[in-house]
Amino acid sequence: MIRFGKFSKNQIAPCGINCGACRAHLREKNPCAGCNNDPAINHCQNCKIRLCNKRRGSFCDCDEFPCQRLKQLDNRYRQKYGMSEIENLIFIKDNGIEKFLQQESAKRISDRGILCIHDGKIY
């Protein structure tokens, strides 16, 4: 079986979303480079979580974790897409980014392509 590769640390947004499995990143026309790259799409460029100056590292980890903004985003993603940014961030904190990347790659990358978080399609 041919695999498409794996995700990289740079593809994981500060909020815990895997930009490498985002519909905006996977689309053919004007793909987003991801929150940690330019050009990120407009709402990502202006994201208050991405731009937060309380973060101490690459991912949300301040004294207010999880803050109200992150809770709202997490609630929306739980309801609409069945995933949790907060759970992702806790997993990264407890197990490290490499294990998270391995888990995401095993879950989302196959010989057919990459499984999108947002629409469940394979790209």
PDB file of N, CA and C in Angstrom:
ATOM      1  N   MET A   1       0.841  -1.179   0.000  1.00  0.00           N
ATOM      2  CA  MET A   1       0.000   0.000   0.000  1.00  0.00           C
ATOM      3  C   MET A   1       0.886   1.242   0.000  1.00  0.00           C
ATOM      4  N   ILE A   2       0.629   2.172  -0.892  1.00  0.00           N
ATOM      5  CA  ILE A   2       1.363   3.437  -0.950  1.00  0.00           C
ATOM      6  C   ILE A   2       0.693   4.418  -0.001  1.00  0.00           C
ATOM      7  N   ARG A   3       1.485   5.048   0.870  1.00  0.00           N
ATOM      8  CA  ARG A   3       0.951   6.036   1.797  1.00  0.00           C
ATOM      9  C   ARG A   3       1.393   7.420   1.327  1.00  0.00           C
ATOM     10  N   PHE A   4       0.601   8.410   1.645  1.00  0.00           N
ATOM     11  CA  PHE A   4       0.883   9.769   1.209  1.00  0.00           C
ATOM     12  C   PHE A   4       1.919  10.472   2.065  1.00  0.00           C
ATOM     13  N   GLY A   5       2.373   9.877   3.130  1.00  0.00           N
ATOM     14  CA  GLY A   5       3.341  10.524   4.000  1.00  0.00           C
ATOM     15  C   GLY A   5       2.764  10.723   5.380  1.00  0.00           C
ATOM     16  N   LYS A   6       3.214  11.787   6.034  1.00  0.00           N
ATOM     17  CA  LYS A   6       2.663  12.090   7.343  1.00  0.00           C
ATOM     18  C   LYS A   6       2.592  13.591   7.529  1.00  0.00           C
ATOM     19  N   PHE A   7       1.877  13.985   8.543  1.00  0.00           N
ATOM     20  CA  PHE A   7       1.747  15.400   8.849  1.00  0.00           C
ATOM     21  C   PHE A   7       2.990  15.888   9.578  1.00  0.00           C
ATOM     22  N   SER A   8       3.218  17.207   9.543  1.00  0.00           N
ATOM     23  CA  SER A   8       4.363  17.786  10.230  1.00  0.00           C
ATOM     24  C   SER A   8       3.890  18.713  11.349  1.00  0.00           C
ATOM     25  N   LYS A   9       4.777  19.005  12.284  1.00  0.00           N
ATOM     26  CA  LYS A   9       4.469  19.883  13.412  1.00  0.00           C
ATOM     27  C   LYS A   9       3.963  21.235  12.924  1.00  0.00           C
ATOM     28  N   ASN A  10       4.529  21.722  11.851  1.00  0.00           N
ATOM     29  CA  ASN A  10       4.154  23.027  11.319  1.00  0.00           C
ATOM     30  C   ASN A  10       2.700  23.062  10.848  1.00  0.00           C
ATOM     31  N   GLN A  11       2.100  21.892  10.616  1.00  0.00           N
ATOM     32  CA  GLN A  11       0.712  21.830  10.174  1.00  0.00           C
ATOM     33  C   GLN A  11      -0.279  21.848  11.335  1.00  0.00           C
ATOM     34  N   ILE A  12       0.192  21.800  12.562  1.00  0.00           N
ATOM     35  CA  ILE A  12      -0.708  21.804  13.712  1.00  0.00           C
ATOM     36  C   ILE A  12      -0.832  23.234  14.228  1.00  0.00           C
ATOM     37  N   ALA A  13      -2.043  23.763  14.178  1.00  0.00           N
ATOM     38  CA  ALA A  13      -2.317  25.145  14.584  1.00  0.00           C
ATOM     39  C   ALA A  13      -2.175  25.288  16.097  1.00  0.00           C
ATOM     40  N   PRO A  14      -1.962  26.506  16.586  1.00  0.00           N
ATOM     41  CA  PRO A  14      -1.866  26.735  18.032  1.00  0.00           C
ATOM     42  C   PRO A  14      -3.074  26.222  18.811  1.00  0.00           C
ATOM     43  N   CYS A  15      -4.254  26.205  18.172  1.00  0.00           N
ATOM     44  CA  CYS A  15      -5.472  25.741  18.840  1.00  0.00           C
ATOM     45  C   CYS A  15      -5.600  24.225  18.860  1.00  0.00           C
ATOM     46  N   GLY A  16      -4.751  23.506  18.124  1.00  0.00           N
ATOM     47  CA  GLY A  16      -4.802  22.050  18.096  1.00  0.00           C
ATOM     48  C   GLY A  16      -5.427  21.459  16.851  1.00  0.00           C
ATOM     49  N   ILE A  17      -5.867  22.300  15.915  1.00  0.00           N
ATOM     50  CA  ILE A  17      -6.418  21.792  14.658  1.00  0.00           C
ATOM     51  C   ILE A  17      -5.265  21.359  13.753  1.00  0.00           C
ATOM     52  N   ASN A  18      -5.474  20.256  13.051  1.00  0.00           N
ATOM     53  CA  ASN A  18      -4.505  19.778  12.068  1.00  0.00           C
ATOM     54  C   ASN A  18      -4.809  20.471  10.742  1.00  0.00           C
ATOM     55  N   CYS A  19      -4.072  21.538  10.440  1.00  0.00           N
ATOM     56  CA  CYS A  19      -4.290  22.284   9.194  1.00  0.00           C
ATOM     57  C   CYS A  19      -4.068  21.394   7.971  1.00  0.00           C
ATOM     58  N   GLY A  20      -3.270  20.366   8.092  1.00  0.00           N
ATOM     59  CA  GLY A  20      -3.012  19.466   6.976  1.00  0.00           C
ATOM     60  C   GLY A  20      -4.224  18.653   6.571  1.00  0.00           C
ATOM     61  N   ALA A  21      -5.239  18.595   7.433  1.00  0.00           N
ATOM     62  CA  ALA A  21      -6.473  17.869   7.136  1.00  0.00           C
ATOM     63  C   ALA A  21      -7.668  18.816   7.038  1.00  0.00           C
ATOM     64  N   CYS A  22      -7.388  20.097   6.870  1.00  0.00           N
ATOM     65  CA  CYS A  22      -8.426  21.129   6.768  1.00  0.00           C
ATOM     66  C   CYS A  22      -8.869  21.261   5.312  1.00  0.00           C
ATOM     67  N   ARG A  23     -10.152  21.461   5.117  1.00  0.00           N
ATOM     68  CA  ARG A  23     -10.699  21.611   3.767  1.00  0.00           C
ATOM     69  C   ARG A  23     -10.037  22.769   3.013  1.00  0.00           C
ATOM     70  N   ALA A  24      -9.765  23.881   3.700  1.00  0.00           N
ATOM     71  CA  ALA A  24      -9.136  25.031   3.040  1.00  0.00           C
ATOM     72  C   ALA A  24      -7.721  24.696   2.567  1.00  0.00           C
ATOM     73  N   HIS A  25      -7.024  23.844   3.289  1.00  0.00           N
ATOM     74  CA  HIS A  25      -5.674  23.430   2.905  1.00  0.00           C
ATOM     75  C   HIS A  25      -5.715  22.406   1.775  1.00  0.00           C
ATOM     76  N   LEU A  26      -6.701  21.530   1.799  1.00  0.00           N
ATOM     77  CA  LEU A  26      -6.756  20.424   0.853  1.00  0.00           C
ATOM     78  C   LEU A  26      -7.363  20.787  -0.504  1.00  0.00           C
ATOM     79  N   ARG A  27      -8.088  21.887  -0.570  1.00  0.00           N
ATOM     80  CA  ARG A  27      -8.736  22.251  -1.839  1.00  0.00           C
ATOM     81  C   ARG A  27      -7.685  22.575  -2.908  1.00  0.00           C
ATOM     82  N   GLU A  28      -8.080  22.359  -4.157  1.00  0.00           N
ATOM     83  CA  GLU A  28      -7.155  22.584  -5.272  1.00  0.00           C
ATOM     84  C   GLU A  28      -6.964  24.067  -5.586  1.00  0.00           C
ATOM     85  N   LYS A  29      -8.041  24.844  -5.541  1.00  0.00           N
ATOM     86  CA  LYS A  29      -7.970  26.258  -5.907  1.00  0.00           C
ATOM     87  C   LYS A  29      -7.664  27.101  -4.666  1.00  0.00           C
ATOM     88  N   ASN A  30      -6.600  27.879  -4.732  1.00  0.00           N
ATOM     89  CA  ASN A  30      -6.179  28.768  -3.645  1.00  0.00           C
ATOM     90  C   ASN A  30      -6.088  28.066  -2.284  1.00  0.00           C
ATOM     91  N   PRO A  31      -5.308  27.013  -2.181  1.00  0.00           N
ATOM     92  CA  PRO A  31      -5.226  26.322  -0.888  1.00  0.00           C
ATOM     93  C   PRO A  31      -4.556  27.185   0.178  1.00  0.00           C
ATOM     94  N   CYS A  32      -5.037  27.043   1.388  1.00  0.00           N
ATOM     95  CA  CYS A  32      -4.443  27.723   2.540  1.00  0.00           C
ATOM     96  C   CYS A  32      -3.167  26.978   2.928  1.00  0.00           C
ATOM     97  N   ALA A  33      -2.142  27.708   3.264  1.00  0.00           N
ATOM     98  CA  ALA A  33      -0.876  27.083   3.657  1.00  0.00           C
ATOM     99  C   ALA A  33      -0.914  26.592   5.105  1.00  0.00           C
ATOM    100  N   GLY A  34      -1.901  27.011   5.873  1.00  0.00           N
ATOM    101  CA  GLY A  34      -2.012  26.617   7.274  1.00  0.00           C
ATOM    102  C   GLY A  34      -1.728  27.778   8.195  1.00  0.00           C
ATOM    103  N   CYS A  35      -2.181  27.674   9.429  1.00  0.00           N
ATOM    104  CA  CYS A  35      -2.080  28.770  10.395  1.00  0.00           C
ATOM    105  C   CYS A  35      -0.647  29.204  10.686  1.00  0.00           C
ATOM    106  N   ASN A  36       0.287  28.299  10.563  1.00  0.00           N
ATOM    107  CA  ASN A  36       1.680  28.615  10.876  1.00  0.00           C
ATOM    108  C   ASN A  36       2.470  29.064   9.650  1.00  0.00           C
ATOM    109  N   ASN A  37       1.790  29.271   8.538  1.00  0.00           N
ATOM    110  CA  ASN A  37       2.458  29.615   7.281  1.00  0.00           C
ATOM    111  C   ASN A  37       1.769  30.795   6.619  1.00  0.00           C
ATOM    112  N   ASP A  38       2.405  31.338   5.611  1.00  0.00           N
ATOM    113  CA  ASP A  38       1.785  32.354   4.776  1.00  0.00           C
ATOM    114  C   ASP A  38       1.705  31.801   3.375  1.00  0.00           C
ATOM    115  N   PRO A  39       0.660  32.019   2.641  1.00  0.00           N
ATOM    116  CA  PRO A  39      -0.485  32.814   3.060  1.00  0.00           C
ATOM    117  C   PRO A  39      -1.555  31.942   3.710  1.00  0.00           C
ATOM    118  N   ALA A  40      -1.877  32.213   4.934  1.00  0.00           N
ATOM    119  CA  ALA A  40      -3.026  31.594   5.587  1.00  0.00           C
ATOM    120  C   ALA A  40      -4.268  32.329   5.097  1.00  0.00           C
ATOM    121  N   ILE A  41      -5.413  31.644   5.098  1.00  0.00           N
ATOM    122  CA  ILE A  41      -6.629  32.316   4.654  1.00  0.00           C
ATOM    123  C   ILE A  41      -7.010  33.405   5.651  1.00  0.00           C
ATOM    124  N   ASN A  42      -7.825  34.330   5.203  1.00  0.00           N
ATOM    125  CA  ASN A  42      -8.107  35.544   5.958  1.00  0.00           C
ATOM    126  C   ASN A  42      -8.546  35.288   7.398  1.00  0.00           C
ATOM    127  N   HIS A  43      -9.539  34.414   7.602  1.00  0.00           N
ATOM    128  CA  HIS A  43      -9.993  34.239   8.982  1.00  0.00           C
ATOM    129  C   HIS A  43      -8.915  33.596   9.848  1.00  0.00           C
ATOM    130  N   CYS A  44      -8.014  32.859   9.268  1.00  0.00           N
ATOM    131  CA  CYS A  44      -6.885  32.301  10.037  1.00  0.00           C
ATOM    132  C   CYS A  44      -5.834  33.382  10.331  1.00  0.00           C
ATOM    133  N   GLN A  45      -5.600  34.278   9.371  1.00  0.00           N
ATOM    134  CA  GLN A  45      -4.638  35.355   9.590  1.00  0.00           C
ATOM    135  C   GLN A  45      -5.053  36.228  10.762  1.00  0.00           C
ATOM    136  N   ASN A  46      -6.356  36.422  10.929  1.00  0.00           N
ATOM    137  CA  ASN A  46      -6.878  37.306  11.966  1.00  0.00           C
ATOM    138  C   ASN A  46      -7.365  36.572  13.210  1.00  0.00           C
ATOM    139  N   CYS A  47      -7.121  35.289  13.299  1.00  0.00           N
ATOM    140  CA  CYS A  47      -7.615  34.476  14.412  1.00  0.00           C
ATOM    141  C   CYS A  47      -6.999  34.933  15.742  1.00  0.00           C
ATOM    142  N   LYS A  48      -7.852  35.234  16.698  1.00  0.00           N
ATOM    143  CA  LYS A  48      -7.376  35.719  18.006  1.00  0.00           C
ATOM    144  C   LYS A  48      -6.642  34.626  18.776  1.00  0.00           C
ATOM    145  N   ILE A  49      -6.985  33.374  18.545  1.00  0.00           N
ATOM    146  CA  ILE A  49      -6.256  32.279  19.193  1.00  0.00           C
ATOM    147  C   ILE A  49      -4.855  32.186  18.601  1.00  0.00           C
ATOM    148  N   ARG A  50      -4.769  32.244  17.289  1.00  0.00           N
ATOM    149  CA  ARG A  50      -3.467  32.191  16.603  1.00  0.00           C
ATOM    150  C   ARG A  50      -2.566  33.357  17.011  1.00  0.00           C
ATOM    151  N   LEU A  51      -3.163  34.536  17.203  1.00  0.00           N
ATOM    152  CA  LEU A  51      -2.409  35.746  17.511  1.00  0.00           C
ATOM    153  C   LEU A  51      -2.238  35.995  19.016  1.00  0.00           C
ATOM    154  N   CYS A  52      -2.746  35.125  19.842  1.00  0.00           N
ATOM    155  CA  CYS A  52      -2.716  35.324  21.294  1.00  0.00           C
ATOM    156  C   CYS A  52      -1.279  35.474  21.803  1.00  0.00           C
ATOM    157  N   ASN A  53      -1.055  36.500  22.602  1.00  0.00           N
ATOM    158  CA  ASN A  53       0.296  36.731  23.137  1.00  0.00           C
ATOM    159  C   ASN A  53       0.499  36.109  24.512  1.00  0.00           C
ATOM    160  N   LYS A  54      -0.500  35.391  25.023  1.00  0.00           N
ATOM    161  CA  LYS A  54      -0.362  34.709  26.315  1.00  0.00           C
ATOM    162  C   LYS A  54       0.260  33.318  26.158  1.00  0.00           C
ATOM    163  N   ARG A  55       0.239  32.801  24.933  1.00  0.00           N
ATOM    164  CA  ARG A  55       0.776  31.460  24.663  1.00  0.00           C
ATOM    165  C   ARG A  55       2.268  31.442  24.941  1.00  0.00           C
ATOM    166  N   ARG A  56       2.735  30.391  25.588  1.00  0.00           N
ATOM    167  CA  ARG A  56       4.151  30.275  25.951  1.00  0.00           C
ATOM    168  C   ARG A  56       4.952  29.428  24.965  1.00  0.00           C
ATOM    169  N   GLY A  57       4.286  28.749  24.091  1.00  0.00           N
ATOM    170  CA  GLY A  57       4.983  27.887  23.135  1.00  0.00           C
ATOM    171  C   GLY A  57       4.245  27.866  21.813  1.00  0.00           C
ATOM    172  N   SER A  58       4.357  26.767  21.105  1.00  0.00           N
ATOM    173  CA  SER A  58       3.722  26.642  19.798  1.00  0.00           C
ATOM    174  C   SER A  58       2.212  26.439  19.890  1.00  0.00           C
ATOM    175  N   PHE A  59       1.747  25.929  21.037  1.00  0.00           N
ATOM    176  CA  PHE A  59       0.340  25.578  21.189  1.00  0.00           C
ATOM    177  C   PHE A  59      -0.244  26.275  22.414  1.00  0.00           C
ATOM    178  N   CYS A  60      -1.576  26.396  22.435  1.00  0.00           N
ATOM    179  CA  CYS A  60      -2.262  27.025  23.566  1.00  0.00           C
ATOM    180  C   CYS A  60      -1.857  26.325  24.859  1.00  0.00           C
ATOM    181  N   ASP A  61      -1.302  27.098  25.773  1.00  0.00           N
ATOM    182  CA  ASP A  61      -0.826  26.502  27.029  1.00  0.00           C
ATOM    183  C   ASP A  61      -0.698  27.540  28.142  1.00  0.00           C
ATOM    184  N   CYS A  62      -1.464  28.637  28.075  1.00  0.00           N
ATOM    185  CA  CYS A  62      -1.328  29.685  29.084  1.00  0.00           C
ATOM    186  C   CYS A  62      -2.032  29.291  30.383  1.00  0.00           C
ATOM    187  N   ASP A  63      -1.974  30.161  31.370  1.00  0.00           N
ATOM    188  CA  ASP A  63      -2.595  29.902  32.672  1.00  0.00           C
ATOM    189  C   ASP A  63      -4.114  29.831  32.594  1.00  0.00           C
ATOM    190  N   GLU A  64      -4.695  30.363  31.519  1.00  0.00           N
ATOM    191  CA  GLU A  64      -6.148  30.350  31.350  1.00  0.00           C
ATOM    192  C   GLU A  64      -6.635  29.145  30.545  1.00  0.00           C
ATOM    193  N   PHE A  65      -5.749  28.242  30.182  1.00  0.00           N
ATOM    194  CA  PHE A  65      -6.115  27.090  29.345  1.00  0.00           C
ATOM    195  C   PHE A  65      -7.152  26.216  30.027  1.00  0.00           C
ATOM    196  N   PRO A  66      -8.207  25.877  29.349  1.00  0.00           N
ATOM    197  CA  PRO A  66      -8.648  26.401  28.059  1.00  0.00           C
ATOM    198  C   PRO A  66      -9.440  27.693  28.245  1.00  0.00           C
ATOM    199  N   CYS A  67      -9.088  28.702  27.498  1.00  0.00           N
ATOM    200  CA  CYS A  67      -9.754  30.007  27.596  1.00  0.00           C
ATOM    201  C   CYS A  67     -11.140  29.931  26.942  1.00  0.00           C
ATOM    202  N   GLN A  68     -11.907  30.966  27.109  1.00  0.00           N
ATOM    203  CA  GLN A  68     -13.268  30.995  26.572  1.00  0.00           C
ATOM    204  C   GLN A  68     -13.284  30.869  25.047  1.00  0.00           C
ATOM    205  N   ARG A  69     -12.367  31.530  24.367  1.00  0.00           N
ATOM    206  CA  ARG A  69     -12.322  31.428  22.900  1.00  0.00           C
ATOM    207  C   ARG A  69     -12.064  29.993  22.451  1.00  0.00           C
ATOM    208  N   LEU A  70     -11.109  29.340  23.103  1.00  0.00           N
ATOM    209  CA  LEU A  70     -10.797  27.963  22.748  1.00  0.00           C
ATOM    210  C   LEU A  70     -11.976  27.044  23.071  1.00  0.00           C
ATOM    211  N   LYS A  71     -12.647  27.275  24.181  1.00  0.00           N
ATOM    212  CA  LYS A  71     -13.823  26.472  24.533  1.00  0.00           C
ATOM    213  C   LYS A  71     -14.924  26.624  23.487  1.00  0.00           C
ATOM    214  N   GLN A  72     -15.144  27.846  23.006  1.00  0.00           N
ATOM    215  CA  GLN A  72     -16.167  28.077  21.983  1.00  0.00           C
ATOM    216  C   GLN A  72     -15.812  27.360  20.680  1.00  0.00           C
ATOM    217  N   LEU A  73     -14.560  27.472  20.264  1.00  0.00           N
ATOM    218  CA  LEU A  73     -14.106  26.785  19.052  1.00  0.00           C
ATOM    219  C   LEU A  73     -14.241  25.277  19.220  1.00  0.00           C
ATOM    220  N   ASP A  74     -13.806  24.777  20.360  1.00  0.00           N
ATOM    221  CA  ASP A  74     -13.863  23.349  20.650  1.00  0.00           C
ATOM    222  C   ASP A  74     -15.312  22.854  20.619  1.00  0.00           C
ATOM    223  N   ASN A  75     -16.219  23.597  21.213  1.00  0.00           N
ATOM    224  CA  ASN A  75     -17.626  23.211  21.231  1.00  0.00           C
ATOM    225  C   ASN A  75     -18.186  23.128  19.813  1.00  0.00           C
ATOM    226  N   ARG A  76     -17.853  24.113  18.990  1.00  0.00           N
ATOM    227  CA  ARG A  76     -18.315  24.118  17.597  1.00  0.00           C
ATOM    228  C   ARG A  76     -17.760  22.912  16.830  1.00  0.00           C
ATOM    229  N   TYR A  77     -16.481  22.615  17.016  1.00  0.00           N
ATOM    230  CA  TYR A  77     -15.870  21.489  16.304  1.00  0.00           C
ATOM    231  C   TYR A  77     -16.373  20.144  16.823  1.00  0.00           C
ATOM    232  N   ARG A  78     -16.657  20.042  18.102  1.00  0.00           N
ATOM    233  CA  ARG A  78     -17.243  18.802  18.643  1.00  0.00           C
ATOM    234  C   ARG A  78     -18.600  18.542  18.002  1.00  0.00           C
ATOM    235  N   GLN A  79     -19.430  19.594  17.939  1.00  0.00           N
ATOM    236  CA  GLN A  79     -20.780  19.447  17.404  1.00  0.00           C
ATOM    237  C   GLN A  79     -20.790  19.213  15.904  1.00  0.00           C
ATOM    238  N   LYS A  80     -19.995  19.971  15.157  1.00  0.00           N
ATOM    239  CA  LYS A  80     -20.044  19.898  13.695  1.00  0.00           C
ATOM    240  C   LYS A  80     -19.170  18.800  13.093  1.00  0.00           C
ATOM    241  N   TYR A  81     -18.001  18.541  13.719  1.00  0.00           N
ATOM    242  CA  TYR A  81     -17.027  17.659  13.082  1.00  0.00           C
ATOM    243  C   TYR A  81     -16.587  16.475  13.934  1.00  0.00           C
ATOM    244  N   GLY A  82     -17.092  16.376  15.155  1.00  0.00           N
ATOM    245  CA  GLY A  82     -16.769  15.232  16.007  1.00  0.00           C
ATOM    246  C   GLY A  82     -15.323  15.187  16.456  1.00  0.00           C
ATOM    247  N   MET A  83     -14.693  16.349  16.594  1.00  0.00           N
ATOM    248  CA  MET A  83     -13.309  16.390  17.079  1.00  0.00           C
ATOM    249  C   MET A  83     -13.155  17.498  18.104  1.00  0.00           C
ATOM    250  N   SER A  84     -12.105  17.411  18.903  1.00  0.00           N
ATOM    251  CA  SER A  84     -11.884  18.369  19.979  1.00  0.00           C
ATOM    252  C   SER A  84     -10.468  18.917  19.933  1.00  0.00           C
ATOM    253  N   GLU A  85     -10.361  20.229  19.774  1.00  0.00           N
ATOM    254  CA  GLU A  85      -9.051  20.869  19.831  1.00  0.00           C
ATOM    255  C   GLU A  85      -8.451  20.745  21.228  1.00  0.00           C
ATOM    256  N   ILE A  86      -9.281  20.863  22.249  1.00  0.00           N
ATOM    257  CA  ILE A  86      -8.793  20.769  23.626  1.00  0.00           C
ATOM    258  C   ILE A  86      -8.222  19.381  23.890  1.00  0.00           C
ATOM    259  N   GLU A  87      -8.922  18.337  23.441  1.00  0.00           N
ATOM    260  CA  GLU A  87      -8.387  16.970  23.595  1.00  0.00           C
ATOM    261  C   GLU A  87      -7.069  16.821  22.835  1.00  0.00           C
ATOM    262  N   ASN A  88      -6.994  17.402  21.641  1.00  0.00           N
ATOM    263  CA  ASN A  88      -5.743  17.348  20.875  1.00  0.00           C
ATOM    264  C   ASN A  88      -4.603  17.997  21.653  1.00  0.00           C
ATOM    265  N   LEU A  89      -4.863  19.176  22.214  1.00  0.00           N
ATOM    266  CA  LEU A  89      -3.821  19.903  22.952  1.00  0.00           C
ATOM    267  C   LEU A  89      -3.392  19.157  24.218  1.00  0.00           C
ATOM    268  N   ILE A  90      -4.342  18.552  24.897  1.00  0.00           N
ATOM    269  CA  ILE A  90      -4.005  17.757  26.090  1.00  0.00           C
ATOM    270  C   ILE A  90      -3.173  16.548  25.683  1.00  0.00           C
ATOM    271  N   PHE A  91      -3.555  15.898  24.577  1.00  0.00           N
ATOM    272  CA  PHE A  91      -2.774  14.759  24.089  1.00  0.00           C
ATOM    273  C   PHE A  91      -1.347  15.186  23.756  1.00  0.00           C
ATOM    274  N   ILE A  92      -1.209  16.321  23.071  1.00  0.00           N
ATOM    275  CA  ILE A  92       0.126  16.824  22.719  1.00  0.00           C
ATOM    276  C   ILE A  92       0.934  17.104  23.980  1.00  0.00           C
ATOM    277  N   LYS A  93       0.317  17.739  24.961  1.00  0.00           N
ATOM    278  CA  LYS A  93       1.020  18.056  26.211  1.00  0.00           C
ATOM    279  C   LYS A  93       1.453  16.790  26.946  1.00  0.00           C
ATOM    280  N   ASP A  94       0.580  15.790  26.986  1.00  0.00           N
ATOM    281  CA  ASP A  94       0.858  14.558  27.726  1.00  0.00           C
ATOM    282  C   ASP A  94       1.777  13.585  26.989  1.00  0.00           C
ATOM    283  N   ASN A  95       1.694  13.572  25.653  1.00  0.00           N
ATOM    284  CA  ASN A  95       2.390  12.541  24.874  1.00  0.00           C
ATOM    285  C   ASN A  95       3.428  13.071  23.894  1.00  0.00           C
ATOM    286  N   GLY A  96       3.410  14.371  23.636  1.00  0.00           N
ATOM    287  CA  GLY A  96       4.362  14.953  22.698  1.00  0.00           C
ATOM    288  C   GLY A  96       3.779  15.088  21.299  1.00  0.00           C
ATOM    289  N   ILE A  97       4.329  16.016  20.569  1.00  0.00           N
ATOM    290  CA  ILE A  97       3.842  16.312  19.225  1.00  0.00           C
ATOM    291  C   ILE A  97       4.090  15.153  18.263  1.00  0.00           C
ATOM    292  N   GLU A  98       5.197  14.431  18.410  1.00  0.00           N
ATOM    293  CA  GLU A  98       5.479  13.321  17.479  1.00  0.00           C
ATOM    294  C   GLU A  98       4.421  12.235  17.573  1.00  0.00           C
ATOM    295  N   LYS A  99       4.001  11.875  18.786  1.00  0.00           N
ATOM    296  CA  LYS A  99       2.949  10.856  18.935  1.00  0.00           C
ATOM    297  C   LYS A  99       1.625  11.358  18.378  1.00  0.00           C
ATOM    298  N   PHE A 100       1.355  12.649  18.573  1.00  0.00           N
ATOM    299  CA  PHE A 100       0.129  13.210  18.007  1.00  0.00           C
ATOM    300  C   PHE A 100       0.170  13.137  16.483  1.00  0.00           C
ATOM    301  N   LEU A 101       1.301  13.500  15.893  1.00  0.00           N
ATOM    302  CA  LEU A 101       1.439  13.445  14.441  1.00  0.00           C
ATOM    303  C   LEU A 101       1.292  12.020  13.923  1.00  0.00           C
ATOM    304  N   GLN A 102       1.845  11.059  14.648  1.00  0.00           N
ATOM    305  CA  GLN A 102       1.690   9.651  14.258  1.00  0.00           C
ATOM    306  C   GLN A 102       0.221   9.241  14.303  1.00  0.00           C
ATOM    307  N   GLN A 103      -0.459   9.653  15.365  1.00  0.00           N
ATOM    308  CA  GLN A 103      -1.880   9.324  15.525  1.00  0.00           C
ATOM    309  C   GLN A 103      -2.713   9.954  14.410  1.00  0.00           C
ATOM    310  N   GLU A 104      -2.477  11.226  14.131  1.00  0.00           N
ATOM    311  CA  GLU A 104      -3.211  11.923  13.077  1.00  0.00           C
ATOM    312  C   GLU A 104      -2.925  11.302  11.709  1.00  0.00           C
ATOM    313  N   SER A 105      -1.666  10.973  11.455  1.00  0.00           N
ATOM    314  CA  SER A 105      -1.308  10.374  10.174  1.00  0.00           C
ATOM    315  C   SER A 105      -1.993   9.029   9.998  1.00  0.00           C
ATOM    316  N   ALA A 106      -2.007   8.206  11.050  1.00  0.00           N
ATOM    317  CA  ALA A 106      -2.644   6.891  10.976  1.00  0.00           C
ATOM    318  C   ALA A 106      -4.156   7.022  10.770  1.00  0.00           C
ATOM    319  N   LYS A 107      -4.751   8.033  11.377  1.00  0.00           N
ATOM    320  CA  LYS A 107      -6.198   8.227  11.301  1.00  0.00           C
ATOM    321  C   LYS A 107      -6.632   8.862   9.980  1.00  0.00           C
ATOM    322  N   ARG A 108      -5.832   9.749   9.422  1.00  0.00           N
ATOM    323  CA  ARG A 108      -6.290  10.581   8.311  1.00  0.00           C
ATOM    324  C   ARG A 108      -5.608  10.334   6.964  1.00  0.00           C
ATOM    325  N   ILE A 109      -4.466   9.637   6.948  1.00  0.00           N
ATOM    326  CA  ILE A 109      -3.743   9.445   5.690  1.00  0.00           C
ATOM    327  C   ILE A 109      -3.780   7.975   5.295  1.00  0.00           C
ATOM    328  N   SER A 110      -4.162   7.724   4.038  1.00  0.00           N
ATOM    329  CA  SER A 110      -4.199   6.354   3.516  1.00  0.00           C
ATOM    330  C   SER A 110      -3.655   6.349   2.098  1.00  0.00           C
ATOM    331  N   ASP A 111      -3.732   5.206   1.463  1.00  0.00           N
ATOM    332  CA  ASP A 111      -3.296   5.099   0.073  1.00  0.00           C
ATOM    333  C   ASP A 111      -4.243   5.852  -0.864  1.00  0.00           C
ATOM    334  N   ARG A 112      -5.421   6.205  -0.392  1.00  0.00           N
ATOM    335  CA  ARG A 112      -6.392   6.948  -1.202  1.00  0.00           C
ATOM    336  C   ARG A 112      -6.221   8.453  -1.084  1.00  0.00           C
ATOM    337  N   GLY A 113      -5.575   8.943  -0.024  1.00  0.00           N
ATOM    338  CA  GLY A 113      -5.402  10.378   0.165  1.00  0.00           C
ATOM    339  C   GLY A 113      -5.538  10.766   1.630  1.00  0.00           C
ATOM    340  N   ILE A 114      -5.966  12.007   1.852  1.00  0.00           N
ATOM    341  CA  ILE A 114      -6.092  12.552   3.204  1.00  0.00           C
ATOM    342  C   ILE A 114      -7.562  12.766   3.525  1.00  0.00           C
ATOM    343  N   LEU A 115      -7.998  12.257   4.661  1.00  0.00           N
ATOM    344  CA  LEU A 115      -9.364  12.404   5.132  1.00  0.00           C
ATOM    345  C   LEU A 115      -9.538  13.786   5.752  1.00  0.00           C
ATOM    346  N   CYS A 116     -10.444  14.574   5.190  1.00  0.00           N
ATOM    347  CA  CYS A 116     -10.681  15.948   5.633  1.00  0.00           C
ATOM    348  C   CYS A 116     -11.479  15.990   6.937  1.00  0.00           C
ATOM    349  N   ILE A 117     -11.063  16.845   7.849  1.00  0.00           N
ATOM    350  CA  ILE A 117     -11.774  17.071   9.107  1.00  0.00           C
ATOM    351  C   ILE A 117     -13.169  17.607   8.840  1.00  0.00           C
ATOM    352  N   HIS A 118     -13.293  18.534   7.907  1.00  0.00           N
ATOM    353  CA  HIS A 118     -14.511  19.318   7.747  1.00  0.00           C
ATOM    354  C   HIS A 118     -15.616  18.661   6.929  1.00  0.00           C
ATOM    355  N   ASP A 119     -15.285  17.907   5.905  1.00  0.00           N
ATOM    356  CA  ASP A 119     -16.340  17.340   5.071  1.00  0.00           C
ATOM    357  C   ASP A 119     -16.283  15.812   4.980  1.00  0.00           C
ATOM    358  N   GLY A 120     -15.286  15.191   5.610  1.00  0.00           N
ATOM    359  CA  GLY A 120     -15.192  13.734   5.606  1.00  0.00           C
ATOM    360  C   GLY A 120     -14.814  13.140   4.270  1.00  0.00           C
ATOM    361  N   LYS A 121     -14.428  13.976   3.307  1.00  0.00           N
ATOM    362  CA  LYS A 121     -14.017  13.490   1.998  1.00  0.00           C
ATOM    363  C   LYS A 121     -12.525  13.170   1.993  1.00  0.00           C
ATOM    364  N   ILE A 122     -12.133  12.322   1.057  1.00  0.00           N
ATOM    365  CA  ILE A 122     -10.726  11.989   0.845  1.00  0.00           C
ATOM    366  C   ILE A 122     -10.200  12.887  -0.265  1.00  0.00           C
ATOM    367  N   TYR A 123      -9.105  13.590  -0.001  1.00  0.00           N
ATOM    368  CA  TYR A 123      -8.486  14.474  -0.983  1.00  0.00           C
ATOM    369  C   TYR A 123      -7.147  13.880  -1.395  1.00  0.00           C
TER     370      TYR A 123
END
